[in-house]
Amino acid sequence: MCHIVESAINAGTKTINIPHTVDYTISPNEYSNIINNLINKVSNIDKAIV
């Protein structure tokens, strides 16, 4: 997912939307971990709104 997000930002995307499924498949903690992982591993994340 990090590579895809980084590529999207490089292509000009300004907003990254990571939807959840109203806690049906992942818990709020797991969702938070996904977002934190993106923030920590995507080198150009500062160029977009997550």
PDB file of N, CA and C in Angstrom:
ATOM      1  N   MET A   1       0.833  -1.179   0.000  1.00  0.00           N
ATOM      2  CA  MET A   1       0.000   0.000   0.000  1.00  0.00           C
ATOM      3  C   MET A   1       0.883   1.248   0.000  1.00  0.00           C
ATOM      4  N   CYS A   2       2.000   1.203   0.719  1.00  0.00           N
ATOM      5  CA  CYS A   2       2.873   2.376   0.783  1.00  0.00           C
ATOM      6  C   CYS A   2       3.386   2.760  -0.600  1.00  0.00           C
ATOM      7  N   HIS A   3       3.780   1.777  -1.389  1.00  0.00           N
ATOM      8  CA  HIS A   3       4.284   2.053  -2.734  1.00  0.00           C
ATOM      9  C   HIS A   3       3.196   2.686  -3.604  1.00  0.00           C
ATOM     10  N   ILE A   4       1.986   2.199  -3.503  1.00  0.00           N
ATOM     11  CA  ILE A   4       0.873   2.741  -4.287  1.00  0.00           C
ATOM     12  C   ILE A   4       0.581   4.185  -3.896  1.00  0.00           C
ATOM     13  N   VAL A   5       0.561   4.447  -2.593  1.00  0.00           N
ATOM     14  CA  VAL A   5       0.301   5.809  -2.115  1.00  0.00           C
ATOM     15  C   VAL A   5       1.416   6.739  -2.564  1.00  0.00           C
ATOM     16  N   GLU A   6       2.659   6.299  -2.427  1.00  0.00           N
ATOM     17  CA  GLU A   6       3.787   7.120  -2.857  1.00  0.00           C
ATOM     18  C   GLU A   6       3.723   7.410  -4.352  1.00  0.00           C
ATOM     19  N   SER A   7       3.387   6.420  -5.150  1.00  0.00           N
ATOM     20  CA  SER A   7       3.251   6.611  -6.602  1.00  0.00           C
ATOM     21  C   SER A   7       2.122   7.578  -6.939  1.00  0.00           C
ATOM     22  N   ALA A   8       1.018   7.464  -6.231  1.00  0.00           N
ATOM     23  CA  ALA A   8      -0.117   8.366  -6.463  1.00  0.00           C
ATOM     24  C   ALA A   8       0.267   9.811  -6.164  1.00  0.00           C
ATOM     25  N   ILE A   9       0.991  10.016  -5.081  1.00  0.00           N
ATOM     26  CA  ILE A   9       1.434  11.375  -4.730  1.00  0.00           C
ATOM     27  C   ILE A   9       2.410  11.886  -5.788  1.00  0.00           C
ATOM     28  N   ASN A  10       3.324  11.041  -6.223  1.00  0.00           N
ATOM     29  CA  ASN A  10       4.259  11.438  -7.279  1.00  0.00           C
ATOM     30  C   ASN A  10       3.536  11.818  -8.561  1.00  0.00           C
ATOM     31  N   ALA A  11       2.377  11.208  -8.802  1.00  0.00           N
ATOM     32  CA  ALA A  11       1.596  11.500 -10.006  1.00  0.00           C
ATOM     33  C   ALA A  11       0.739  12.755  -9.847  1.00  0.00           C
ATOM     34  N   GLY A  12       0.756  13.366  -8.661  1.00  0.00           N
ATOM     35  CA  GLY A  12       0.039  14.622  -8.473  1.00  0.00           C
ATOM     36  C   GLY A  12      -1.142  14.576  -7.524  1.00  0.00           C
ATOM     37  N   THR A  13      -1.427  13.431  -6.951  1.00  0.00           N
ATOM     38  CA  THR A  13      -2.546  13.334  -6.007  1.00  0.00           C
ATOM     39  C   THR A  13      -2.278  14.213  -4.798  1.00  0.00           C
ATOM     40  N   LYS A  14      -3.253  14.967  -4.384  1.00  0.00           N
ATOM     41  CA  LYS A  14      -3.107  15.850  -3.224  1.00  0.00           C
ATOM     42  C   LYS A  14      -3.857  15.351  -1.998  1.00  0.00           C
ATOM     43  N   THR A  15      -4.784  14.422  -2.187  1.00  0.00           N
ATOM     44  CA  THR A  15      -5.560  13.861  -1.078  1.00  0.00           C
ATOM     45  C   THR A  15      -5.531  12.342  -1.165  1.00  0.00           C
ATOM     46  N   ILE A  16      -5.167  11.709  -0.055  1.00  0.00           N
ATOM     47  CA  ILE A  16      -5.159  10.251   0.042  1.00  0.00           C
ATOM     48  C   ILE A  16      -6.301   9.857   0.977  1.00  0.00           C
ATOM     49  N   ASN A  17      -7.230   9.078   0.469  1.00  0.00           N
ATOM     50  CA  ASN A  17      -8.380   8.640   1.250  1.00  0.00           C
ATOM     51  C   ASN A  17      -8.267   7.136   1.471  1.00  0.00           C
ATOM     52  N   ILE A  18      -8.135   6.739   2.729  1.00  0.00           N
ATOM     53  CA  ILE A  18      -8.067   5.325   3.081  1.00  0.00           C
ATOM     54  C   ILE A  18      -9.372   4.999   3.816  1.00  0.00           C
ATOM     55  N   PRO A  19     -10.371   4.510   3.097  1.00  0.00           N
ATOM     56  CA  PRO A  19     -11.664   4.238   3.723  1.00  0.00           C
ATOM     57  C   PRO A  19     -11.616   3.002   4.618  1.00  0.00           C
ATOM     58  N   HIS A  20     -12.503   2.952   5.553  1.00  0.00           N
ATOM     59  CA  HIS A  20     -12.663   1.753   6.369  1.00  0.00           C
ATOM     60  C   HIS A  20     -14.075   1.221   6.141  1.00  0.00           C
ATOM     61  N   THR A  21     -14.354   0.083   6.684  1.00  0.00           N
ATOM     62  CA  THR A  21     -15.649  -0.546   6.424  1.00  0.00           C
ATOM     63  C   THR A  21     -16.514  -0.528   7.680  1.00  0.00           C
ATOM     64  N   VAL A  22     -16.658   0.649   8.246  1.00  0.00           N
ATOM     65  CA  VAL A  22     -17.431   0.856   9.472  1.00  0.00           C
ATOM     66  C   VAL A  22     -17.149  -0.212  10.525  1.00  0.00           C
ATOM     67  N   ASP A  23     -15.862  -0.457  10.723  1.00  0.00           N
ATOM     68  CA  ASP A  23     -15.374  -1.371  11.753  1.00  0.00           C
ATOM     69  C   ASP A  23     -15.855  -2.806  11.571  1.00  0.00           C
ATOM     70  N   TYR A  24     -16.286  -3.138  10.387  1.00  0.00           N
ATOM     71  CA  TYR A  24     -16.758  -4.504  10.146  1.00  0.00           C
ATOM     72  C   TYR A  24     -15.594  -5.496  10.060  1.00  0.00           C
ATOM     73  N   THR A  25     -14.521  -5.088   9.371  1.00  0.00           N
ATOM     74  CA  THR A  25     -13.404  -6.009   9.193  1.00  0.00           C
ATOM     75  C   THR A  25     -12.164  -5.623   9.981  1.00  0.00           C
ATOM     76  N   ILE A  26     -12.025  -4.356  10.333  1.00  0.00           N
ATOM     77  CA  ILE A  26     -10.865  -3.937  11.116  1.00  0.00           C
ATOM     78  C   ILE A  26     -11.311  -3.111  12.309  1.00  0.00           C
ATOM     79  N   SER A  27     -10.537  -3.195  13.363  1.00  0.00           N
ATOM     80  CA  SER A  27     -10.848  -2.418  14.564  1.00  0.00           C
ATOM     81  C   SER A  27     -10.302  -1.003  14.404  1.00  0.00           C
ATOM     82  N   PRO A  28     -10.757  -0.076  15.226  1.00  0.00           N
ATOM     83  CA  PRO A  28     -10.207   1.284  15.174  1.00  0.00           C
ATOM     84  C   PRO A  28      -8.691   1.295  15.381  1.00  0.00           C
ATOM     85  N   ASN A  29      -8.187   0.406  16.218  1.00  0.00           N
ATOM     86  CA  ASN A  29      -6.752   0.336  16.459  1.00  0.00           C
ATOM     87  C   ASN A  29      -6.014  -0.115  15.198  1.00  0.00           C
ATOM     88  N   GLU A  30      -6.553  -1.104  14.507  1.00  0.00           N
ATOM     89  CA  GLU A  30      -5.936  -1.571  13.265  1.00  0.00           C
ATOM     90  C   GLU A  30      -5.962  -0.476  12.194  1.00  0.00           C
ATOM     91  N   TYR A  31      -7.066   0.264  12.134  1.00  0.00           N
ATOM     92  CA  TYR A  31      -7.183   1.357  11.169  1.00  0.00           C
ATOM     93  C   TYR A  31      -6.143   2.431  11.475  1.00  0.00           C
ATOM     94  N   SER A  32      -5.983   2.749  12.744  1.00  0.00           N
ATOM     95  CA  SER A  32      -4.979   3.720  13.163  1.00  0.00           C
ATOM     96  C   SER A  32      -3.580   3.251  12.770  1.00  0.00           C
ATOM     97  N   ASN A  33      -3.314   1.977  12.920  1.00  0.00           N
ATOM     98  CA  ASN A  33      -2.007   1.430  12.547  1.00  0.00           C
ATOM     99  C   ASN A  33      -1.742   1.571  11.051  1.00  0.00           C
ATOM    100  N   ILE A  34      -2.766   1.395  10.240  1.00  0.00           N
ATOM    101  CA  ILE A  34      -2.611   1.559   8.798  1.00  0.00           C
ATOM    102  C   ILE A  34      -2.213   2.993   8.464  1.00  0.00           C
ATOM    103  N   ILE A  35      -2.914   3.952   9.050  1.00  0.00           N
ATOM    104  CA  ILE A  35      -2.618   5.365   8.780  1.00  0.00           C
ATOM    105  C   ILE A  35      -1.224   5.727   9.282  1.00  0.00           C
ATOM    106  N   ASN A  36      -0.889   5.302  10.495  1.00  0.00           N
ATOM    107  CA  ASN A  36       0.444   5.594  11.043  1.00  0.00           C
ATOM    108  C   ASN A  36       1.538   4.965  10.202  1.00  0.00           C
ATOM    109  N   ASN A  37       1.303   3.777   9.702  1.00  0.00           N
ATOM    110  CA  ASN A  37       2.270   3.113   8.837  1.00  0.00           C
ATOM    111  C   ASN A  37       2.516   3.934   7.569  1.00  0.00           C
ATOM    112  N   LEU A  38       1.461   4.441   6.980  1.00  0.00           N
ATOM    113  CA  LEU A  38       1.610   5.282   5.791  1.00  0.00           C
ATOM    114  C   LEU A  38       2.401   6.543   6.111  1.00  0.00           C
ATOM    115  N   ILE A  39       2.058   7.192   7.206  1.00  0.00           N
ATOM    116  CA  ILE A  39       2.740   8.427   7.588  1.00  0.00           C
ATOM    117  C   ILE A  39       4.228   8.182   7.826  1.00  0.00           C
ATOM    118  N   ASN A  40       4.558   7.049   8.406  1.00  0.00           N
ATOM    119  CA  ASN A  40       5.954   6.760   8.745  1.00  0.00           C
ATOM    120  C   ASN A  40       6.777   6.186   7.598  1.00  0.00           C
ATOM    121  N   LYS A  41       6.145   5.581   6.608  1.00  0.00           N
ATOM    122  CA  LYS A  41       6.899   4.883   5.565  1.00  0.00           C
ATOM    123  C   LYS A  41       6.838   5.501   4.173  1.00  0.00           C
ATOM    124  N   VAL A  42       5.893   6.394   3.946  1.00  0.00           N
ATOM    125  CA  VAL A  42       5.780   7.021   2.617  1.00  0.00           C
ATOM    126  C   VAL A  42       6.588   8.320   2.642  1.00  0.00           C
ATOM    127  N   SER A  43       7.652   8.339   1.860  1.00  0.00           N
ATOM    128  CA  SER A  43       8.602   9.451   1.943  1.00  0.00           C
ATOM    129  C   SER A  43       8.011  10.806   1.546  1.00  0.00           C
ATOM    130  N   ASN A  44       7.036  10.827   0.673  1.00  0.00           N
ATOM    131  CA  ASN A  44       6.470  12.100   0.205  1.00  0.00           C
ATOM    132  C   ASN A  44       5.087  12.380   0.793  1.00  0.00           C
ATOM    133  N   ILE A  45       4.748  11.733   1.892  1.00  0.00           N
ATOM    134  CA  ILE A  45       3.413  11.877   2.477  1.00  0.00           C
ATOM    135  C   ILE A  45       3.098  13.322   2.872  1.00  0.00           C
ATOM    136  N   ASP A  46       4.148  14.105   3.106  1.00  0.00           N
ATOM    137  CA  ASP A  46       3.951  15.510   3.484  1.00  0.00           C
ATOM    138  C   ASP A  46       3.382  16.355   2.346  1.00  0.00           C
ATOM    139  N   LYS A  47       3.345  15.802   1.149  1.00  0.00           N
ATOM    140  CA  LYS A  47       2.826  16.541  -0.015  1.00  0.00           C
ATOM    141  C   LYS A  47       1.352  16.284  -0.255  1.00  0.00           C
ATOM    142  N   ALA A  48       0.712  15.528   0.656  1.00  0.00           N
ATOM    143  CA  ALA A  48      -0.706  15.184   0.490  1.00  0.00           C
ATOM    144  C   ALA A  48      -1.409  15.245   1.834  1.00  0.00           C
ATOM    145  N   ILE A  49      -2.718  15.319   1.776  1.00  0.00           N
ATOM    146  CA  ILE A  49      -3.572  15.247   2.958  1.00  0.00           C
ATOM    147  C   ILE A  49      -4.036  13.814   3.082  1.00  0.00           C
ATOM    148  N   VAL A  50      -3.889  13.245   4.277  1.00  0.00           N
ATOM    149  CA  VAL A  50      -4.336  11.868   4.496  1.00  0.00           C
ATOM    150  C   VAL A  50      -5.614  11.912   5.292  1.00  0.00           C
TER     151      VAL A  50
END
